[in-house]
PDB file of N, CA and C in Angstrom:
ATOM      1  N   ALA A   1       0.844  -1.188   0.000  1.00  0.00           N
ATOM      2  CA  ALA A   1       0.000   0.000   0.000  1.00  0.00           C
ATOM      3  C   ALA A   1       0.883   1.242   0.000  1.00  0.00           C
ATOM      4  N   ASP A   2       0.327   2.335  -0.446  1.00  0.00           N
ATOM      5  CA  ASP A   2       1.057   3.596  -0.473  1.00  0.00           C
ATOM      6  C   ASP A   2       1.590   3.898   0.920  1.00  0.00           C
ATOM      7  N   GLY A   3       2.891   4.185   1.015  1.00  0.00           N
ATOM      8  CA  GLY A   3       3.510   4.505   2.291  1.00  0.00           C
ATOM      9  C   GLY A   3       3.954   3.300   3.102  1.00  0.00           C
ATOM     10  N   SER A   4       3.766   2.095   2.569  1.00  0.00           N
ATOM     11  CA  SER A   4       4.170   0.888   3.295  1.00  0.00           C
ATOM     12  C   SER A   4       5.670   0.837   3.482  1.00  0.00           C
ATOM     13  N   VAL A   5       6.088   0.184   4.555  1.00  0.00           N
ATOM     14  CA  VAL A   5       7.496  -0.060   4.816  1.00  0.00           C
ATOM     15  C   VAL A   5       7.685  -1.569   4.846  1.00  0.00           C
ATOM     16  N   VAL A   6       8.655  -2.049   4.078  1.00  0.00           N
ATOM     17  CA  VAL A   6       8.918  -3.481   3.985  1.00  0.00           C
ATOM     18  C   VAL A   6      10.344  -3.739   4.437  1.00  0.00           C
ATOM     19  N   ALA A   7      10.530  -4.710   5.302  1.00  0.00           N
ATOM     20  CA  ALA A   7      11.869  -5.082   5.752  1.00  0.00           C
ATOM     21  C   ALA A   7      12.397  -6.158   4.814  1.00  0.00           C
ATOM     22  N   GLY A   8      13.466  -5.863   4.124  1.00  0.00           N
ATOM     23  CA  GLY A   8      14.059  -6.849   3.231  1.00  0.00           C
ATOM     24  C   GLY A   8      13.810  -6.520   1.771  1.00  0.00           C
ATOM     25  N   PRO A   9      14.473  -7.255   0.888  1.00  0.00           N
ATOM     26  CA  PRO A   9      14.338  -7.028  -0.553  1.00  0.00           C
ATOM     27  C   PRO A   9      12.906  -7.275  -1.035  1.00  0.00           C
ATOM     28  N   VAL A  10      12.512  -6.545  -2.060  1.00  0.00           N
ATOM     29  CA  VAL A  10      11.169  -6.684  -2.643  1.00  0.00           C
ATOM     30  C   VAL A  10      11.325  -7.205  -4.067  1.00  0.00           C
ATOM     31  N   ASP A  11      10.709  -8.363  -4.352  1.00  0.00           N
ATOM     32  CA  ASP A  11      10.804  -8.907  -5.705  1.00  0.00           C
ATOM     33  C   ASP A  11       9.483  -8.897  -6.451  1.00  0.00           C
ATOM     34  N   GLU A  12       8.408  -8.459  -5.783  1.00  0.00           N
ATOM     35  CA  GLU A  12       7.141  -8.314  -6.485  1.00  0.00           C
ATOM     36  C   GLU A  12       6.278  -7.255  -5.816  1.00  0.00           C
ATOM     37  N   VAL A  13       5.473  -6.599  -6.645  1.00  0.00           N
ATOM     38  CA  VAL A  13       4.485  -5.634  -6.185  1.00  0.00           C
ATOM     39  C   VAL A  13       3.178  -6.026  -6.852  1.00  0.00           C
ATOM     40  N   VAL A  14       2.092  -6.072  -6.091  1.00  0.00           N
ATOM     41  CA  VAL A  14       0.798  -6.459  -6.637  1.00  0.00           C
ATOM     42  C   VAL A  14      -0.146  -5.267  -6.590  1.00  0.00           C
ATOM     43  N   LEU A  15      -0.745  -4.944  -7.735  1.00  0.00           N
ATOM     44  CA  LEU A  15      -1.741  -3.881  -7.819  1.00  0.00           C
ATOM     45  C   LEU A  15      -3.078  -4.527  -8.140  1.00  0.00           C
ATOM     46  N   THR A  16      -4.112  -4.172  -7.373  1.00  0.00           N
ATOM     47  CA  THR A  16      -5.447  -4.724  -7.591  1.00  0.00           C
ATOM     48  C   THR A  16      -6.413  -3.581  -7.867  1.00  0.00           C
ATOM     49  N   PHE A  17      -7.123  -3.690  -8.973  1.00  0.00           N
ATOM     50  CA  PHE A  17      -8.096  -2.691  -9.378  1.00  0.00           C
ATOM     51  C   PHE A  17      -9.514  -3.206  -9.117  1.00  0.00           C
ATOM     52  N   THR A  18     -10.470  -2.304  -9.004  1.00  0.00           N
ATOM     53  CA  THR A  18     -11.850  -2.707  -8.707  1.00  0.00           C
ATOM     54  C   THR A  18     -12.557  -3.300  -9.914  1.00  0.00           C
ATOM     55  N   GLY A  19     -12.066  -3.027 -11.108  1.00  0.00           N
ATOM     56  CA  GLY A  19     -12.669  -3.576 -12.319  1.00  0.00           C
ATOM     57  C   GLY A  19     -11.608  -4.051 -13.285  1.00  0.00           C
ATOM     58  N   GLU A  20     -12.046  -4.709 -14.326  1.00  0.00           N
ATOM     59  CA  GLU A  20     -11.130  -5.227 -15.337  1.00  0.00           C
ATOM     60  C   GLU A  20     -10.392  -4.076 -16.012  1.00  0.00           C
ATOM     61  N   SER A  21      -9.119  -4.284 -16.292  1.00  0.00           N
ATOM     62  CA  SER A  21      -8.315  -3.263 -16.954  1.00  0.00           C
ATOM     63  C   SER A  21      -7.188  -3.926 -17.725  1.00  0.00           C
ATOM     64  N   VAL A  22      -6.583  -3.154 -18.630  1.00  0.00           N
ATOM     65  CA  VAL A  22      -5.441  -3.623 -19.412  1.00  0.00           C
ATOM     66  C   VAL A  22      -4.360  -2.552 -19.368  1.00  0.00           C
ATOM     67  N   GLU A  23      -3.112  -2.971 -19.529  1.00  0.00           N
ATOM     68  CA  GLU A  23      -2.007  -2.004 -19.560  1.00  0.00           C
ATOM     69  C   GLU A  23      -2.225  -1.012 -20.690  1.00  0.00           C
ATOM     70  N   ALA A  24      -1.824   0.226 -20.451  1.00  0.00           N
ATOM     71  CA  ALA A  24      -1.911   1.269 -21.469  1.00  0.00           C
ATOM     72  C   ALA A  24      -0.674   2.144 -21.376  1.00  0.00           C
ATOM     73  N   GLY A  25      -0.355   2.837 -22.433  1.00  0.00           N
ATOM     74  CA  GLY A  25       0.774   3.765 -22.417  1.00  0.00           C
ATOM     75  C   GLY A  25       2.037   3.091 -21.919  1.00  0.00           C
ATOM     76  N   GLU A  26       2.655   3.680 -20.889  1.00  0.00           N
ATOM     77  CA  GLU A  26       3.874   3.111 -20.309  1.00  0.00           C
ATOM     78  C   GLU A  26       3.597   1.879 -19.462  1.00  0.00           C
ATOM     79  N   GLY A  27       2.353   1.584 -19.150  1.00  0.00           N
ATOM     80  CA  GLY A  27       2.033   0.436 -18.313  1.00  0.00           C
ATOM     81  C   GLY A  27       2.486   0.652 -16.888  1.00  0.00           C
ATOM     82  N   PHE A  28       3.499  -0.084 -16.472  1.00  0.00           N
ATOM     83  CA  PHE A  28       3.993  -0.031 -15.102  1.00  0.00           C
ATOM     84  C   PHE A  28       5.499   0.233 -15.107  1.00  0.00           C
ATOM     85  N   VAL A  29       5.943   1.204 -14.340  1.00  0.00           N
ATOM     86  CA  VAL A  29       7.370   1.466 -14.185  1.00  0.00           C
ATOM     87  C   VAL A  29       7.664   1.666 -12.703  1.00  0.00           C
ATOM     88  N   VAL A  30       8.896   1.321 -12.327  1.00  0.00           N
ATOM     89  CA  VAL A  30       9.326   1.424 -10.935  1.00  0.00           C
ATOM     90  C   VAL A  30      10.578   2.292 -10.884  1.00  0.00           C
ATOM     91  N   LEU A  31      10.602   3.213  -9.937  1.00  0.00           N
ATOM     92  CA  LEU A  31      11.777   4.042  -9.693  1.00  0.00           C
ATOM     93  C   LEU A  31      12.477   3.474  -8.471  1.00  0.00           C
ATOM     94  N   THR A  32      13.725   3.022  -8.653  1.00  0.00           N
ATOM     95  CA  THR A  32      14.482   2.391  -7.572  1.00  0.00           C
ATOM     96  C   THR A  32      15.040   3.444  -6.619  1.00  0.00           C
ATOM     97  N   PRO A  33      15.522   3.015  -5.437  1.00  0.00           N
ATOM     98  CA  PRO A  33      16.149   3.958  -4.508  1.00  0.00           C
ATOM     99  C   PRO A  33      17.351   4.693  -5.112  1.00  0.00           C
ATOM    100  N   ALA A  34      18.008   4.085  -6.102  1.00  0.00           N
ATOM    101  CA  ALA A  34      19.169   4.700  -6.760  1.00  0.00           C
ATOM    102  C   ALA A  34      18.748   5.671  -7.866  1.00  0.00           C
ATOM    103  N   GLY A  35      17.429   5.803  -8.112  1.00  0.00           N
ATOM    104  CA  GLY A  35      16.940   6.708  -9.139  1.00  0.00           C
ATOM    105  C   GLY A  35      16.820   6.083 -10.516  1.00  0.00           C
ATOM    106  N   GLU A  36      17.022   4.778 -10.614  1.00  0.00           N
ATOM    107  CA  GLU A  36      16.922   4.062 -11.881  1.00  0.00           C
ATOM    108  C   GLU A  36      15.461   3.746 -12.178  1.00  0.00           C
ATOM    109  N   VAL A  37      15.037   3.947 -13.417  1.00  0.00           N
ATOM    110  CA  VAL A  37      13.679   3.599 -13.839  1.00  0.00           C
ATOM    111  C   VAL A  37      13.739   2.219 -14.479  1.00  0.00           C
ATOM    112  N   ILE A  38      12.933   1.290 -13.967  1.00  0.00           N
ATOM    113  CA  ILE A  38      12.907  -0.057 -14.534  1.00  0.00           C
ATOM    114  C   ILE A  38      11.486  -0.412 -14.940  1.00  0.00           C
ATOM    115  N   GLU A  39      11.392  -1.260 -15.953  1.00  0.00           N
ATOM    116  CA  GLU A  39      10.109  -1.777 -16.403  1.00  0.00           C
ATOM    117  C   GLU A  39      10.034  -3.237 -15.960  1.00  0.00           C
ATOM    118  N   PRO A  40       9.222  -3.534 -14.961  1.00  0.00           N
ATOM    119  CA  PRO A  40       9.161  -4.903 -14.448  1.00  0.00           C
ATOM    120  C   PRO A  40       8.416  -5.826 -15.405  1.00  0.00           C
ATOM    121  N   ASP A  41       8.641  -7.128 -15.264  1.00  0.00           N
ATOM    122  CA  ASP A  41       7.811  -8.104 -15.952  1.00  0.00           C
ATOM    123  C   ASP A  41       6.440  -8.045 -15.288  1.00  0.00           C
ATOM    124  N   VAL A  42       5.381  -8.137 -16.087  1.00  0.00           N
ATOM    125  CA  VAL A  42       4.025  -7.964 -15.556  1.00  0.00           C
ATOM    126  C   VAL A  42       3.195  -9.197 -15.873  1.00  0.00           C
ATOM    127  N   LEU A  43       2.508  -9.699 -14.855  1.00  0.00           N
ATOM    128  CA  LEU A  43       1.571 -10.807 -15.016  1.00  0.00           C
ATOM    129  C   LEU A  43       0.187 -10.286 -14.680  1.00  0.00           C
ATOM    130  N   ARG A  44      -0.754 -10.414 -15.605  1.00  0.00           N
ATOM    131  CA  ARG A  44      -2.139  -9.971 -15.405  1.00  0.00           C
ATOM    132  C   ARG A  44      -2.982 -11.178 -15.019  1.00  0.00           C
ATOM    133  N   SER A  45      -3.829 -11.025 -14.006  1.00  0.00           N
ATOM    134  CA  SER A  45      -4.688 -12.119 -13.568  1.00  0.00           C
ATOM    135  C   SER A  45      -5.748 -12.418 -14.622  1.00  0.00           C
ATOM    136  N   ASP A  46      -6.339 -13.601 -14.550  1.00  0.00           N
ATOM    137  CA  ASP A  46      -7.361 -14.008 -15.511  1.00  0.00           C
ATOM    138  C   ASP A  46      -8.573 -13.078 -15.515  1.00  0.00           C
ATOM    139  N   ASP A  47      -8.899 -12.497 -14.348  1.00  0.00           N
ATOM    140  CA  ASP A  47     -10.068 -11.606 -14.288  1.00  0.00           C
ATOM    141  C   ASP A  47      -9.728 -10.175 -14.684  1.00  0.00           C
ATOM    142  N   GLY A  48      -8.444  -9.880 -14.981  1.00  0.00           N
ATOM    143  CA  GLY A  48      -8.039  -8.559 -15.430  1.00  0.00           C
ATOM    144  C   GLY A  48      -8.043  -7.492 -14.354  1.00  0.00           C
ATOM    145  N   ARG A  49      -8.121  -7.890 -13.095  1.00  0.00           N
ATOM    146  CA  ARG A  49      -8.164  -6.919 -12.001  1.00  0.00           C
ATOM    147  C   ARG A  49      -6.854  -6.802 -11.241  1.00  0.00           C
ATOM    148  N   ARG A  50      -6.002  -7.822 -11.325  1.00  0.00           N
ATOM    149  CA  ARG A  50      -4.771  -7.828 -10.527  1.00  0.00           C
ATOM    150  C   ARG A  50      -3.561  -7.957 -11.450  1.00  0.00           C
ATOM    151  N   PHE A  51      -2.561  -7.114 -11.171  1.00  0.00           N
ATOM    152  CA  PHE A  51      -1.314  -7.130 -11.916  1.00  0.00           C
ATOM    153  C   PHE A  51      -0.179  -7.371 -10.934  1.00  0.00           C
ATOM    154  N   THR A  52       0.663  -8.360 -11.220  1.00  0.00           N
ATOM    155  CA  THR A  52       1.829  -8.638 -10.395  1.00  0.00           C
ATOM    156  C   THR A  52       3.051  -8.159 -11.157  1.00  0.00           C
ATOM    157  N   LEU A  53       3.811  -7.274 -10.518  1.00  0.00           N
ATOM    158  CA  LEU A  53       5.033  -6.739 -11.113  1.00  0.00           C
ATOM    159  C   LEU A  53       6.209  -7.514 -10.536  1.00  0.00           C
ATOM    160  N   TRP A  54       6.971  -8.211 -11.381  1.00  0.00           N
ATOM    161  CA  TRP A  54       8.122  -9.001 -10.953  1.00  0.00           C
ATOM    162  C   TRP A  54       9.383  -8.166 -11.111  1.00  0.00           C
ATOM    163  N   LEU A  55      10.158  -8.071 -10.069  1.00  0.00           N
ATOM    164  CA  LEU A  55      11.368  -7.243 -10.046  1.00  0.00           C
ATOM    165  C   LEU A  55      12.593  -8.133  -9.889  1.00  0.00           C
ATOM    166  N   ASP A  56      13.411  -8.201 -10.957  1.00  0.00           N
ATOM    167  CA  ASP A  56      14.606  -9.029 -10.935  1.00  0.00           C
ATOM    168  C   ASP A  56      15.766  -8.218 -11.483  1.00  0.00           C
ATOM    169  N   PRO A  57      16.716  -7.827 -10.657  1.00  0.00           N
ATOM    170  CA  PRO A  57      16.903  -8.241  -9.271  1.00  0.00           C
ATOM    171  C   PRO A  57      15.924  -7.523  -8.347  1.00  0.00           C
ATOM    172  N   PRO A  58      15.710  -8.078  -7.154  1.00  0.00           N
ATOM    173  CA  PRO A  58      14.810  -7.450  -6.182  1.00  0.00           C
ATOM    174  C   PRO A  58      15.275  -6.048  -5.811  1.00  0.00           C
ATOM    175  N   LEU A  59      14.328  -5.206  -5.422  1.00  0.00           N
ATOM    176  CA  LEU A  59      14.648  -3.857  -4.963  1.00  0.00           C
ATOM    177  C   LEU A  59      15.310  -3.919  -3.601  1.00  0.00           C
ATOM    178  N   VAL A  60      16.300  -3.067  -3.403  1.00  0.00           N
ATOM    179  CA  VAL A  60      16.989  -2.990  -2.116  1.00  0.00           C
ATOM    180  C   VAL A  60      16.295  -1.959  -1.233  1.00  0.00           C
ATOM    181  N   ALA A  61      16.793  -1.816  -0.018  1.00  0.00           N
ATOM    182  CA  ALA A  61      16.198  -0.891   0.944  1.00  0.00           C
ATOM    183  C   ALA A  61      16.233   0.541   0.430  1.00  0.00           C
ATOM    184  N   GLY A  62      15.195   1.297   0.770  1.00  0.00           N
ATOM    185  CA  GLY A  62      15.093   2.697   0.381  1.00  0.00           C
ATOM    186  C   GLY A  62      13.713   2.994  -0.172  1.00  0.00           C
ATOM    187  N   GLU A  63      13.486   4.252  -0.479  1.00  0.00           N
ATOM    188  CA  GLU A  63      12.184   4.649  -1.011  1.00  0.00           C
ATOM    189  C   GLU A  63      12.103   4.302  -2.490  1.00  0.00           C
ATOM    190  N   VAL A  64      10.987   3.715  -2.884  1.00  0.00           N
ATOM    191  CA  VAL A  64      10.731   3.382  -4.279  1.00  0.00           C
ATOM    192  C   VAL A  64       9.404   4.016  -4.689  1.00  0.00           C
ATOM    193  N   ALA A  65       9.218   4.153  -5.979  1.00  0.00           N
ATOM    194  CA  ALA A  65       7.965   4.673  -6.504  1.00  0.00           C
ATOM    195  C   ALA A  65       7.476   3.746  -7.608  1.00  0.00           C
ATOM    196  N   VAL A  66       6.169   3.604  -7.707  1.00  0.00           N
ATOM    197  CA  VAL A  66       5.550   2.823  -8.771  1.00  0.00           C
ATOM    198  C   VAL A  66       4.589   3.747  -9.508  1.00  0.00           C
ATOM    199  N   ARG A  67       4.729   3.795 -10.837  1.00  0.00           N
ATOM    200  CA  ARG A  67       3.811   4.565 -11.667  1.00  0.00           C
ATOM    201  C   ARG A  67       3.076   3.582 -12.566  1.00  0.00           C
ATOM    202  N   TRP A  68       1.755   3.766 -12.689  1.00  0.00           N
ATOM    203  CA  TRP A  68       0.968   2.832 -13.479  1.00  0.00           C
ATOM    204  C   TRP A  68      -0.006   3.563 -14.393  1.00  0.00           C
ATOM    205  N   MET A  69      -0.322   2.914 -15.514  1.00  0.00           N
ATOM    206  CA  MET A  69      -1.302   3.432 -16.456  1.00  0.00           C
ATOM    207  C   MET A  69      -2.046   2.247 -17.061  1.00  0.00           C
ATOM    208  N   VAL A  70      -3.368   2.254 -16.935  1.00  0.00           N
ATOM    209  CA  VAL A  70      -4.201   1.193 -17.482  1.00  0.00           C
ATOM    210  C   VAL A  70      -5.400   1.817 -18.200  1.00  0.00           C
ATOM    211  N   ARG A  71      -6.108   0.976 -18.949  1.00  0.00           N
ATOM    212  CA  ARG A  71      -7.380   1.352 -19.556  1.00  0.00           C
ATOM    213  C   ARG A  71      -8.462   0.516 -18.903  1.00  0.00           C
ATOM    214  N   ALA A  72      -9.526   1.172 -18.479  1.00  0.00           N
ATOM    215  CA  ALA A  72     -10.660   0.477 -17.868  1.00  0.00           C
ATOM    216  C   ALA A  72     -11.434  -0.281 -18.947  1.00  0.00           C
ATOM    217  N   ALA A  73     -12.362  -1.114 -18.530  1.00  0.00           N
ATOM    218  CA  ALA A  73     -13.164  -1.916 -19.462  1.00  0.00           C
ATOM    219  C   ALA A  73     -13.890  -1.039 -20.473  1.00  0.00           C
ATOM    220  N   ASP A  74     -14.264   0.196 -20.084  1.00  0.00           N
ATOM    221  CA  ASP A  74     -14.950   1.093 -21.025  1.00  0.00           C
ATOM    222  C   ASP A  74     -13.948   1.911 -21.851  1.00  0.00           C
ATOM    223  N   ALA A  75     -12.653   1.569 -21.780  1.00  0.00           N
ATOM    224  CA  ALA A  75     -11.567   2.136 -22.582  1.00  0.00           C
ATOM    225  C   ALA A  75     -11.033   3.472 -22.091  1.00  0.00           C
ATOM    226  N   HIS A  76     -11.545   4.032 -20.981  1.00  0.00           N
ATOM    227  CA  HIS A  76     -10.967   5.306 -20.530  1.00  0.00           C
ATOM    228  C   HIS A  76      -9.679   5.030 -19.742  1.00  0.00           C
ATOM    229  N   PRO A  77      -8.665   5.910 -19.957  1.00  0.00           N
ATOM    230  CA  PRO A  77      -7.381   5.716 -19.280  1.00  0.00           C
ATOM    231  C   PRO A  77      -7.449   6.106 -17.801  1.00  0.00           C
ATOM    232  N   ILE A  78      -6.699   5.367 -17.004  1.00  0.00           N
ATOM    233  CA  ILE A  78      -6.568   5.641 -15.573  1.00  0.00           C
ATOM    234  C   ILE A  78      -5.086   5.542 -15.246  1.00  0.00           C
ATOM    235  N   ASP A  79      -4.561   6.486 -14.467  1.00  0.00           N
ATOM    236  CA  ASP A  79      -3.156   6.388 -14.089  1.00  0.00           C
ATOM    237  C   ASP A  79      -2.966   6.886 -12.672  1.00  0.00           C
ATOM    238  N   GLY A  80      -1.822   6.576 -12.124  1.00  0.00           N
ATOM    239  CA  GLY A  80      -1.513   7.005 -10.774  1.00  0.00           C
ATOM    240  C   GLY A  80      -0.124   6.565 -10.380  1.00  0.00           C
ATOM    241  N   SER A  81       0.227   6.882  -9.155  1.00  0.00           N
ATOM    242  CA  SER A  81       1.531   6.480  -8.640  1.00  0.00           C
ATOM    243  C   SER A  81       1.480   6.403  -7.125  1.00  0.00           C
ATOM    244  N   PHE A  82       2.410   5.688  -6.571  1.00  0.00           N
ATOM    245  CA  PHE A  82       2.574   5.614  -5.117  1.00  0.00           C
ATOM    246  C   PHE A  82       4.013   5.352  -4.807  1.00  0.00           C
TER     247      PHE A  82
END
């Protein structure tokens, strides 16, 4: 969740939406503590509501940011970050 603190390396981030959606535009990007922008491997659930971002190598300690952009079932774009 936004503002969460995790002890130890992070190798996945899960985003869950209230309705079906698909990646749009840049999709999902992660800003590492070192300031590097990475594009994680993304797995979309069968119902189209949950996206798992796989981070290899795992993120190390520090503040990270996740930016996302999807299209809702009615095709309107939705984006945000945490």
